[in-house]
N, C-alpha and C. Protein backbone atom coordinates (compact mmCIF):
# COMPACT_ATOMS: atom_id res chain seq x y z
N MET A 1 -20.45 -0.14 14.51
CA MET A 1 -21.00 -1.34 13.01
C MET A 1 -20.46 -0.22 11.69
N ILE A 2 -21.06 1.06 11.57
CA ILE A 2 -21.07 1.67 10.22
C ILE A 2 -19.71 2.72 10.27
N ALA A 3 -19.29 2.30 11.49
CA ALA A 3 -18.10 3.08 11.23
C ALA A 3 -16.76 1.96 11.24
N ASP A 4 -17.05 0.99 11.44
CA ASP A 4 -16.32 -0.14 11.36
C ASP A 4 -16.01 -0.76 10.26
N ILE A 5 -17.20 -0.90 9.33
CA ILE A 5 -16.97 -1.02 7.62
C ILE A 5 -16.45 -0.23 7.08
N LYS A 6 -16.65 1.97 7.23
CA LYS A 6 -15.97 2.26 6.69
C LYS A 6 -14.27 2.53 6.99
N LYS A 7 -14.27 2.45 8.53
CA LYS A 7 -13.14 2.20 8.59
C LYS A 7 -11.77 1.00 7.85
N ASN A 8 -12.63 0.07 8.12
CA ASN A 8 -11.59 -1.57 7.10
C ASN A 8 -11.42 -0.88 5.87
N ALA A 9 -13.26 -0.08 4.72
CA ALA A 9 -13.02 0.08 3.95
C ALA A 9 -11.61 0.74 3.69
N GLU A 10 -11.40 2.28 4.30
CA GLU A 10 -10.65 3.03 3.82
C GLU A 10 -8.67 2.41 4.37
N GLN A 11 -9.24 1.65 5.51
CA GLN A 11 -7.57 0.73 5.46
C GLN A 11 -7.07 -0.31 3.99
N LYS A 12 -7.72 -0.95 3.73
CA LYS A 12 -8.07 -1.69 2.85
C LYS A 12 -7.26 -0.87 0.78
N MET A 13 -7.86 -0.17 1.29
CA MET A 13 -7.92 1.17 -0.15
C MET A 13 -6.35 1.85 0.24
N LYS A 14 -6.07 2.22 1.54
CA LYS A 14 -4.52 2.47 1.17
C LYS A 14 -3.60 1.79 1.39
N LYS A 15 -3.40 0.21 1.70
CA LYS A 15 -3.19 -0.77 1.42
C LYS A 15 -2.74 -1.28 -0.22
N THR A 16 -4.09 -0.55 -1.19
CA THR A 16 -4.38 -1.55 -1.98
C THR A 16 -3.34 0.25 -3.15
N ILE A 17 -3.49 1.47 -2.40
CA ILE A 17 -2.40 2.56 -2.74
C ILE A 17 -0.85 1.95 -3.02
N GLU A 18 -0.91 1.60 -1.48
CA GLU A 18 0.63 1.35 -0.95
C GLU A 18 1.66 0.37 -1.69
N ALA A 19 0.40 -0.98 -2.36
CA ALA A 19 0.70 -1.43 -2.17
C ALA A 19 1.45 -1.57 -4.23
N LEU A 20 0.81 -0.44 -5.00
CA LEU A 20 0.32 0.24 -6.29
C LEU A 20 1.58 0.66 -6.32
N LYS A 21 1.95 1.44 -5.49
CA LYS A 21 2.90 2.60 -5.47
C LYS A 21 4.75 1.49 -5.17
N THR A 22 4.48 0.26 -4.28
CA THR A 22 5.31 -1.00 -5.02
C THR A 22 6.00 -1.36 -5.87
N ASP A 23 4.66 -1.89 -6.94
CA ASP A 23 4.71 -1.51 -7.95
C ASP A 23 5.10 -1.69 -9.06
N LEU A 24 4.84 0.10 -8.94
CA LEU A 24 5.43 1.35 -10.06
C LEU A 24 6.60 1.52 -9.95
N GLY A 25 7.45 1.23 -8.46
CA GLY A 25 8.38 1.09 -8.48
C GLY A 25 9.44 0.46 -8.95
N LYS A 26 8.74 -1.34 -8.88
CA LYS A 26 9.57 -1.91 -10.02
C LYS A 26 9.61 -1.45 -11.62
N VAL A 27 8.98 -1.34 -12.01
CA VAL A 27 8.70 -0.60 -12.86
C VAL A 27 10.03 0.32 -13.38
N ARG A 28 11.01 0.05 -14.15
CA ARG A 28 12.69 0.59 -14.58
C ARG A 28 12.06 1.75 -15.24
N THR A 29 12.39 3.17 -14.78
CA THR A 29 12.91 4.43 -16.11
C THR A 29 14.39 4.26 -16.30
N GLY A 30 14.80 4.96 -16.87
CA GLY A 30 16.18 5.09 -17.65
C GLY A 30 16.72 5.74 -16.72
N ARG A 31 16.47 6.25 -15.30
CA ARG A 31 17.53 6.45 -14.43
C ARG A 31 18.18 5.32 -13.89
N ALA A 32 18.52 5.17 -12.81
CA ALA A 32 19.04 4.45 -11.59
C ALA A 32 18.49 4.30 -10.78
N HIS A 33 18.03 4.28 -9.76
CA HIS A 33 17.33 3.91 -8.27
C HIS A 33 17.54 2.95 -7.61
N THR A 34 17.92 2.67 -6.09
CA THR A 34 18.52 1.63 -5.64
C THR A 34 17.26 0.32 -5.21
N GLY A 35 16.12 0.34 -5.33
CA GLY A 35 14.64 0.69 -4.92
C GLY A 35 14.58 -0.75 -6.04
N LEU A 36 15.55 -0.66 -7.07
CA LEU A 36 14.75 -1.75 -8.04
C LEU A 36 15.89 -3.09 -8.02
N LEU A 37 17.13 -2.98 -6.55
CA LEU A 37 17.25 -4.25 -6.57
C LEU A 37 16.86 -4.90 -4.99
N ASP A 38 15.89 -4.13 -4.42
CA ASP A 38 15.27 -4.06 -3.63
C ASP A 38 14.39 -6.05 -3.40
N HIS A 39 13.96 -6.33 -4.25
CA HIS A 39 13.33 -7.59 -4.85
C HIS A 39 14.13 -9.26 -4.99
N VAL A 40 15.73 -8.55 -5.53
CA VAL A 40 16.14 -9.25 -6.20
C VAL A 40 16.96 -10.70 -5.41
N MET A 41 16.71 -11.44 -5.56
CA MET A 41 17.36 -12.90 -4.01
C MET A 41 18.27 -13.19 -4.34
N VAL A 42 18.82 -13.24 -3.82
CA VAL A 42 20.91 -14.24 -3.64
C VAL A 42 20.53 -14.95 -2.87
N ASP A 43 20.96 -15.65 -3.77
CA ASP A 43 21.81 -17.68 -2.90
C ASP A 43 22.79 -16.93 -2.01
N TYR A 44 22.95 -16.61 -0.58
CA TYR A 44 23.22 -16.48 0.92
C TYR A 44 23.72 -18.14 1.60
N TYR A 45 24.81 -18.86 1.20
CA TYR A 45 24.78 -19.93 1.64
C TYR A 45 23.22 -21.09 1.72
N GLY A 46 22.87 -20.71 0.29
CA GLY A 46 21.82 -21.88 0.77
C GLY A 46 20.63 -21.65 0.89
N ASN A 47 19.91 -20.34 0.96
CA ASN A 47 19.38 -20.16 1.05
C ASN A 47 18.72 -17.82 0.78
N PRO A 48 17.67 -18.46 -0.31
CA PRO A 48 17.88 -16.76 -1.17
C PRO A 48 16.86 -16.01 -0.20
N THR A 49 18.07 -14.85 0.21
CA THR A 49 18.14 -13.91 0.65
C THR A 49 18.30 -12.34 -0.09
N PRO A 50 17.78 -11.46 0.16
CA PRO A 50 17.31 -10.33 -0.33
C PRO A 50 18.36 -9.18 -0.89
N LEU A 51 18.43 -8.89 -1.82
CA LEU A 51 19.61 -8.59 -1.55
C LEU A 51 20.86 -7.32 -1.19
N PRO A 52 19.45 -6.15 -0.25
CA PRO A 52 20.27 -5.81 0.18
C PRO A 52 20.18 -5.96 1.88
N GLN A 53 20.86 -7.09 2.18
CA GLN A 53 20.12 -7.89 2.99
C GLN A 53 22.91 -8.15 3.36
N VAL A 54 22.65 -8.90 2.36
CA VAL A 54 23.96 -9.04 1.92
C VAL A 54 24.96 -8.19 1.05
N ALA A 55 24.56 -7.13 1.38
CA ALA A 55 25.46 -6.02 0.04
C ALA A 55 24.46 -4.92 0.56
N ASN A 56 25.44 -3.11 0.52
CA ASN A 56 25.52 -1.89 0.72
C ASN A 56 25.54 -1.91 -1.30
N VAL A 57 23.51 -1.10 -1.01
CA VAL A 57 23.79 -0.47 -3.00
C VAL A 57 23.34 0.48 -2.16
N THR A 58 24.28 0.95 -3.25
CA THR A 58 24.51 2.93 -3.78
C THR A 58 24.28 3.28 -5.53
N LEU A 59 24.01 4.39 -5.49
CA LEU A 59 23.98 4.43 -7.07
C LEU A 59 25.47 5.70 -7.00
N VAL A 60 26.00 4.67 -7.67
CA VAL A 60 27.62 5.41 -8.43
C VAL A 60 27.23 6.64 -9.11
N ASP A 61 26.29 6.75 -10.27
CA ASP A 61 25.92 8.08 -11.08
C ASP A 61 24.28 7.89 -11.68
N GLY A 62 23.86 8.43 -11.79
CA GLY A 62 22.35 8.84 -12.29
C GLY A 62 22.63 7.52 -13.05
N ARG A 63 23.25 6.78 -13.66
CA ARG A 63 23.10 5.69 -14.97
C ARG A 63 23.35 4.25 -14.12
N THR A 64 24.37 4.44 -13.10
CA THR A 64 24.69 3.38 -12.65
C THR A 64 24.68 3.13 -11.21
N ILE A 65 24.39 1.71 -10.91
CA ILE A 65 23.49 1.48 -9.50
C ILE A 65 25.22 0.47 -9.31
N GLY A 66 25.62 0.83 -7.67
CA GLY A 66 26.97 -0.18 -8.01
C GLY A 66 26.03 -1.30 -5.80
N VAL A 67 27.13 -2.48 -6.76
CA VAL A 67 26.64 -3.30 -5.57
C VAL A 67 27.48 -3.66 -4.26
N SER A 68 27.96 -3.31 -3.18
CA SER A 68 29.30 -3.84 -2.54
C SER A 68 28.82 -4.57 -1.90
N PRO A 69 29.57 -5.84 -1.61
CA PRO A 69 28.90 -7.19 -1.15
C PRO A 69 29.63 -6.71 0.19
N TRP A 70 29.11 -7.42 1.40
CA TRP A 70 29.88 -7.33 2.80
C TRP A 70 30.67 -8.44 2.96
N GLU A 71 30.77 -9.20 1.24
CA GLU A 71 31.67 -10.64 2.07
C GLU A 71 32.07 -10.72 0.79
N LYS A 72 33.01 -10.46 0.50
CA LYS A 72 33.87 -10.33 -1.00
C LYS A 72 33.67 -11.94 -2.00
N LYS A 73 33.27 -13.15 -1.29
CA LYS A 73 32.65 -14.53 -2.32
C LYS A 73 31.34 -13.99 -2.51
N MET A 74 30.42 -12.97 -2.03
CA MET A 74 29.05 -13.30 -2.65
C MET A 74 29.45 -12.39 -3.90
N ALA A 75 30.06 -11.81 -4.85
CA ALA A 75 29.81 -10.65 -6.20
C ALA A 75 29.78 -11.29 -6.81
N GLN A 76 30.04 -13.36 -7.13
CA GLN A 76 29.42 -13.83 -8.33
C GLN A 76 28.20 -13.88 -8.08
N ALA A 77 28.27 -14.57 -7.00
CA ALA A 77 26.23 -14.87 -7.03
C ALA A 77 25.60 -13.35 -6.70
N ILE A 78 26.22 -12.19 -6.51
CA ILE A 78 24.92 -10.81 -6.36
C ILE A 78 24.83 -11.22 -8.45
N GLU A 79 25.92 -11.21 -8.71
CA GLU A 79 26.70 -10.87 -10.23
C GLU A 79 25.22 -11.64 -11.18
N LYS A 80 24.98 -12.76 -10.49
CA LYS A 80 24.07 -13.86 -11.31
C LYS A 80 22.38 -13.70 -10.86
N ALA A 81 22.24 -13.70 -8.72
CA ALA A 81 20.76 -13.18 -9.01
C ALA A 81 20.49 -11.97 -10.24
N ILE A 82 21.26 -10.43 -10.32
CA ILE A 82 20.23 -9.40 -10.82
C ILE A 82 20.59 -10.07 -12.11
N ARG A 83 21.34 -10.87 -12.73
CA ARG A 83 21.20 -11.19 -13.73
C ARG A 83 20.09 -11.49 -14.36
N ASP A 84 19.29 -12.93 -13.42
CA ASP A 84 18.48 -13.92 -13.37
C ASP A 84 17.28 -13.38 -13.05
N ALA A 85 17.87 -12.30 -12.39
CA ALA A 85 15.94 -11.17 -12.03
C ALA A 85 15.21 -10.66 -12.21
N ASP A 86 16.06 -11.24 -14.32
CA ASP A 86 14.97 -10.74 -15.16
C ASP A 86 14.46 -9.55 -15.39
N LEU A 87 15.23 -8.83 -15.01
CA LEU A 87 15.33 -6.50 -14.99
C LEU A 87 15.82 -6.52 -16.00
N GLY A 88 16.49 -6.78 -16.78
CA GLY A 88 17.21 -6.54 -18.11
C GLY A 88 17.87 -5.63 -17.94
N LEU A 89 18.97 -5.81 -16.50
CA LEU A 89 21.12 -5.09 -16.61
C LEU A 89 21.15 -6.88 -16.49
N ASN A 90 22.44 -6.04 -17.24
CA ASN A 90 23.41 -6.85 -17.25
C ASN A 90 24.64 -6.19 -15.93
N PRO A 91 24.83 -6.96 -14.57
CA PRO A 91 25.67 -6.19 -13.76
C PRO A 91 27.33 -6.54 -14.70
N MET A 92 28.60 -6.44 -13.58
CA MET A 92 29.72 -5.92 -14.02
C MET A 92 30.49 -6.25 -12.50
N THR A 93 31.13 -7.28 -12.39
CA THR A 93 31.80 -6.73 -10.80
C THR A 93 33.33 -6.44 -11.99
N GLN A 94 33.85 -5.72 -10.53
CA GLN A 94 34.96 -4.71 -10.37
C GLN A 94 35.43 -4.74 -9.79
N GLY A 95 36.51 -5.81 -9.07
CA GLY A 95 36.96 -5.90 -7.91
C GLY A 95 36.15 -6.41 -6.77
N ASP A 96 36.12 -6.12 -5.80
CA ASP A 96 35.14 -6.13 -4.85
C ASP A 96 33.26 -5.33 -5.47
N LEU A 97 33.36 -4.63 -6.18
CA LEU A 97 31.99 -3.89 -6.89
C LEU A 97 31.73 -4.28 -7.16
N VAL A 98 30.18 -4.45 -7.99
CA VAL A 98 29.04 -5.38 -8.70
C VAL A 98 28.40 -3.79 -9.01
N ARG A 99 29.13 -3.43 -10.66
CA ARG A 99 28.50 -2.39 -10.95
C ARG A 99 27.14 -3.07 -12.06
N VAL A 100 26.06 -2.01 -11.99
CA VAL A 100 24.72 -2.57 -12.51
C VAL A 100 23.73 -1.25 -13.06
N PRO A 101 25.33 -1.31 -14.56
CA PRO A 101 24.78 0.06 -15.99
C PRO A 101 22.99 -0.16 -16.46
N MET A 102 22.35 1.21 -16.22
CA MET A 102 20.75 1.02 -16.54
C MET A 102 20.72 1.78 -17.68
N PRO A 103 20.81 0.14 -18.62
CA PRO A 103 20.31 0.60 -20.30
C PRO A 103 19.73 1.97 -20.64
N ALA A 104 19.76 2.41 -21.50
CA ALA A 104 18.88 3.89 -22.18
C ALA A 104 17.52 2.82 -22.74
N LEU A 105 16.27 3.52 -22.36
CA LEU A 105 14.69 2.82 -23.31
C LEU A 105 14.42 3.52 -24.25
N THR A 106 14.05 2.30 -25.15
CA THR A 106 14.30 2.82 -25.81
C THR A 106 12.66 3.38 -26.55
N GLU A 107 12.55 4.16 -27.66
CA GLU A 107 10.73 4.58 -27.63
C GLU A 107 9.78 3.04 -27.40
N GLU A 108 9.86 2.32 -28.00
CA GLU A 108 8.95 1.07 -27.80
C GLU A 108 8.96 0.87 -26.56
N ARG A 109 10.11 0.45 -26.15
CA ARG A 109 10.28 0.71 -24.85
C ARG A 109 9.25 0.88 -24.18
N ARG A 110 8.95 2.24 -24.50
CA ARG A 110 8.82 2.75 -23.51
C ARG A 110 7.49 2.70 -23.44
N LYS A 111 6.78 2.80 -24.69
CA LYS A 111 5.61 2.22 -24.93
C LYS A 111 5.54 1.17 -23.71
N ASP A 112 5.54 0.44 -23.88
CA ASP A 112 6.24 -0.89 -23.17
C ASP A 112 5.59 -0.91 -21.25
N LEU A 113 6.19 -0.29 -20.66
CA LEU A 113 6.04 0.30 -19.82
C LEU A 113 4.89 1.21 -19.58
N ILE A 114 4.90 1.68 -20.12
CA ILE A 114 3.41 2.91 -19.75
C ILE A 114 2.33 1.80 -20.36
N LYS A 115 2.39 1.10 -21.32
CA LYS A 115 0.81 0.04 -20.43
C LYS A 115 0.71 -0.81 -19.87
N VAL A 116 2.30 -1.53 -19.55
CA VAL A 116 1.92 -2.44 -18.10
C VAL A 116 2.13 -1.10 -16.68
N VAL A 117 2.34 0.25 -16.84
CA VAL A 117 1.58 1.29 -15.54
C VAL A 117 0.47 1.92 -15.77
N ARG A 118 -0.04 1.24 -16.47
CA ARG A 118 -1.57 1.64 -16.64
C ARG A 118 -1.97 0.14 -16.55
N HIS A 119 -1.95 -0.81 -16.90
CA HIS A 119 -2.19 -1.81 -16.36
C HIS A 119 -2.73 -2.52 -15.11
N GLU A 120 -1.46 -1.90 -14.26
CA GLU A 120 -0.83 -1.83 -13.03
C GLU A 120 -2.45 -1.09 -12.25
N GLY A 121 -1.78 0.08 -12.66
CA GLY A 121 -3.03 1.05 -12.50
C GLY A 121 -5.16 1.04 -12.28
N GLU A 122 -5.51 0.01 -13.42
CA GLU A 122 -6.44 -0.37 -13.76
C GLU A 122 -7.17 -1.45 -12.43
N ASN A 123 -5.35 -2.35 -12.43
CA ASN A 123 -5.96 -3.37 -11.26
C ASN A 123 -6.07 -2.73 -9.64
N ALA A 124 -5.19 -1.54 -9.37
CA ALA A 124 -5.77 -1.27 -8.66
C ALA A 124 -7.39 -0.46 -8.02
N ARG A 125 -7.45 0.02 -9.51
CA ARG A 125 -9.32 0.82 -9.69
C ARG A 125 -9.85 -0.30 -9.56
N VAL A 126 -9.49 -1.59 -9.98
CA VAL A 126 -10.37 -2.57 -9.44
C VAL A 126 -10.70 -3.27 -8.07
N ALA A 127 -9.60 -3.33 -7.59
CA ALA A 127 -9.38 -3.91 -6.56
C ALA A 127 -10.36 -2.90 -5.69
N ILE A 128 -10.00 -1.64 -5.76
CA ILE A 128 -10.81 0.44 -4.74
C ILE A 128 -12.00 -0.42 -5.17
N ARG A 129 -12.47 -0.40 -6.40
CA ARG A 129 -14.31 -0.61 -6.66
C ARG A 129 -14.83 -1.94 -6.31
N ASN A 130 -13.33 -3.14 -6.17
CA ASN A 130 -14.39 -3.79 -5.53
C ASN A 130 -14.27 -4.03 -3.92
N ILE A 131 -13.59 -2.88 -3.22
CA ILE A 131 -13.04 -2.45 -1.76
C ILE A 131 -14.97 -1.88 -2.11
N ARG A 132 -14.56 -0.72 -1.98
CA ARG A 132 -16.64 -0.32 -1.62
C ARG A 132 -17.54 -1.46 -2.51
N ARG A 133 -17.63 -1.84 -3.43
CA ARG A 133 -19.49 -2.70 -3.24
C ARG A 133 -18.87 -3.81 -2.39
N ASP A 134 -18.04 -4.60 -1.58
CA ASP A 134 -18.12 -5.44 -0.47
C ASP A 134 -18.63 -4.07 0.95
N ALA A 135 -18.06 -2.97 1.01
CA ALA A 135 -18.79 -2.17 2.09
C ALA A 135 -20.27 -1.85 2.11
N ASN A 136 -20.80 -1.71 1.16
CA ASN A 136 -21.75 -1.21 0.50
C ASN A 136 -22.78 -2.41 0.45
N THR A 137 -22.32 -4.05 0.25
CA THR A 137 -22.20 -5.13 0.61
C THR A 137 -22.91 -4.93 2.38
N HIS A 138 -21.88 -4.74 2.59
CA HIS A 138 -22.60 -5.38 4.89
C HIS A 138 -23.28 -4.29 5.19
N LEU A 139 -23.05 -2.99 5.01
CA LEU A 139 -23.93 -1.72 5.10
C LEU A 139 -25.24 -2.12 4.05
N LYS A 140 -25.97 -2.83 3.49
CA LYS A 140 -27.27 -3.10 2.99
C LYS A 140 -27.49 -4.20 4.06
N ASP A 141 -26.84 -5.69 4.49
CA ASP A 141 -26.97 -6.67 5.41
C ASP A 141 -27.34 -5.60 6.29
N LEU A 142 -26.78 -5.05 6.68
CA LEU A 142 -27.15 -4.11 8.45
C LEU A 142 -28.63 -3.38 8.52
N LEU A 143 -28.68 -3.32 7.27
CA LEU A 143 -30.09 -2.39 6.04
C LEU A 143 -30.66 -3.17 6.46
N LYS A 144 -31.05 -4.53 6.15
CA LYS A 144 -31.95 -5.53 6.35
C LYS A 144 -32.41 -6.30 7.29
N LYS A 145 -30.50 -6.41 7.94
CA LYS A 145 -31.21 -6.67 9.88
C LYS A 145 -31.58 -5.47 10.78
N LYS A 146 -32.00 -4.51 10.33
CA LYS A 146 -32.87 -3.41 10.86
C LYS A 146 -31.57 -3.37 11.93
N GLU A 147 -30.08 -3.98 11.49
CA GLU A 147 -29.39 -2.88 12.53
C GLU A 147 -29.19 -1.56 12.75
N VAL A 148 -29.15 -0.77 11.45
CA VAL A 148 -29.27 0.72 10.59
C VAL A 148 -30.36 1.52 10.88
N ALA A 149 -30.66 2.30 10.50
CA ALA A 149 -30.98 3.12 9.64
C ALA A 149 -31.09 3.49 8.40
N GLU A 150 -32.02 3.59 7.32
CA GLU A 150 -32.37 3.41 5.74
C GLU A 150 -31.08 4.76 6.13
N ASP A 151 -31.65 6.06 6.98
CA ASP A 151 -30.38 7.32 6.26
C ASP A 151 -29.09 7.29 6.75
N ASP A 152 -29.08 6.14 8.17
CA ASP A 152 -27.62 6.31 8.55
C ASP A 152 -26.62 5.21 7.40
N GLU A 153 -27.55 4.22 6.85
CA GLU A 153 -26.62 3.81 5.69
C GLU A 153 -26.78 3.76 4.29
N ARG A 154 -27.75 5.45 4.31
CA ARG A 154 -27.00 6.09 2.47
C ARG A 154 -26.08 7.44 3.05
N ARG A 155 -26.48 7.59 4.31
CA ARG A 155 -25.11 8.59 4.38
C ARG A 155 -23.71 7.61 4.45
N ALA A 156 -23.89 6.61 5.73
CA ALA A 156 -22.35 5.64 5.11
C ALA A 156 -22.07 5.15 3.74
N GLN A 157 -23.08 4.83 2.84
CA GLN A 157 -22.99 4.31 1.43
C GLN A 157 -22.08 6.05 0.47
N ASP A 158 -22.60 6.62 0.81
CA ASP A 158 -21.91 8.11 0.24
C ASP A 158 -20.30 8.56 0.53
N GLU A 159 -20.35 8.39 1.93
CA GLU A 159 -18.91 8.29 2.65
C GLU A 159 -18.37 7.37 1.85
N VAL A 160 -18.54 5.84 2.06
CA VAL A 160 -17.15 5.42 1.42
C VAL A 160 -17.49 5.56 -0.01
N GLN A 161 -18.30 5.95 -1.03
CA GLN A 161 -18.08 6.73 -2.39
C GLN A 161 -16.78 7.31 -2.53
N LYS A 162 -17.40 8.40 -0.95
CA LYS A 162 -16.33 9.79 -1.67
C LYS A 162 -14.82 8.80 -1.08
N LEU A 163 -14.72 8.20 0.28
CA LEU A 163 -13.48 7.37 0.36
C LEU A 163 -12.60 7.14 -1.11
N THR A 164 -13.77 6.11 -1.87
CA THR A 164 -13.96 5.43 -3.46
C THR A 164 -12.61 6.71 -4.25
N ASP A 165 -13.92 7.62 -4.62
CA ASP A 165 -13.88 8.85 -5.29
C ASP A 165 -11.77 9.23 -5.38
N ARG A 166 -11.63 9.35 -3.92
CA ARG A 166 -10.17 10.58 -3.21
C ARG A 166 -9.03 9.16 -3.60
N SER A 167 -9.25 7.28 -3.33
CA SER A 167 -8.59 7.19 -3.78
C SER A 167 -7.85 6.67 -4.87
N ILE A 168 -9.08 6.55 -5.69
CA ILE A 168 -8.88 6.91 -7.20
C ILE A 168 -8.55 7.86 -8.20
N THR A 169 -8.60 8.78 -7.50
CA THR A 169 -8.07 10.18 -7.66
C THR A 169 -6.33 10.05 -7.70
N GLU A 170 -6.85 9.53 -5.89
CA GLU A 170 -5.10 9.13 -5.75
C GLU A 170 -4.09 7.82 -6.78
N ILE A 171 -4.87 6.98 -7.37
CA ILE A 171 -4.00 6.95 -8.17
C ILE A 171 -3.75 7.19 -9.42
N ASP A 172 -4.56 8.13 -9.64
CA ASP A 172 -4.64 8.45 -11.19
C ASP A 172 -3.85 9.52 -11.34
N LYS A 173 -2.76 10.43 -10.37
CA LYS A 173 -2.06 10.84 -9.83
C LYS A 173 -0.55 10.71 -10.24
N LEU A 174 -0.60 9.14 -9.13
CA LEU A 174 0.76 7.87 -9.16
C LEU A 174 0.65 8.49 -11.00
N LEU A 175 -0.14 7.37 -11.29
CA LEU A 175 0.36 7.07 -12.65
C LEU A 175 0.45 8.35 -13.71
N GLU A 176 0.53 8.90 -13.71
CA GLU A 176 0.69 9.95 -14.06
C GLU A 176 2.43 10.72 -13.91
N VAL A 177 2.44 10.34 -12.39
CA VAL A 177 3.65 11.16 -12.11
C VAL A 177 4.84 9.80 -13.10
N LYS A 178 4.19 8.54 -13.26
CA LYS A 178 5.29 7.35 -13.23
C LYS A 178 5.33 7.62 -15.39
N GLU A 179 4.89 7.99 -16.11
CA GLU A 179 4.44 7.58 -16.99
C GLU A 179 5.21 8.96 -17.51
N ALA A 180 4.77 10.28 -16.69
CA ALA A 180 6.03 11.22 -17.37
C ALA A 180 7.36 11.06 -16.43
N ASP A 181 7.26 10.39 -15.92
CA ASP A 181 9.01 9.41 -16.02
C ASP A 181 9.40 9.02 -16.68
N LEU A 182 8.63 7.47 -17.51
CA LEU A 182 8.98 7.02 -18.10
C LEU A 182 8.88 7.84 -19.53
N LEU A 183 8.85 8.78 -19.91
CA LEU A 183 9.00 10.05 -20.64
C LEU A 183 9.57 10.85 -20.70
N ALA A 184 10.08 11.05 -19.40
CA ALA A 184 11.06 11.76 -19.83
C ALA A 184 13.08 10.56 -20.26
N ILE A 185 13.27 11.89 -21.07
CA ILE A 185 14.49 10.62 -21.68
C ILE A 185 16.31 12.10 -20.76
């Protein structure tokens, strides 16, 4: 019983951290990376389809992403999808290749992005604390039903707290790396 509660809490905390990594990956830095376009949906014969499923996404250089559609007539749809994705990008079609230059970040924009990153981090911390609260509630319920001893319940709560501390430390490290990345020119 206690092991299940701890295991469940640990899995949920890992999922929260993975979700934060995904969210932080969407925040654009000055450098180009192909993951930025993973969530762009292209109208592919009437079906919204993720961009990597209709084109090859590569880095042309440090500040430019190249998108090579597998079907030549998809270039216009891809360009429109990237423009409509609200990423602040302005793609240009050159023959078969859609070039997506990364605009340089202004100091003000960097500070705005850092606020966004910190907000995402705080949301992740709150989610971790909620998982801890739920786990502790389940442990207390077991104690009320006299299914576990007080010592075991206290020990389990301490272990859940250690899990929480580790998860929050990992979140802080992720935020630190992303902020340094945003401030790098």
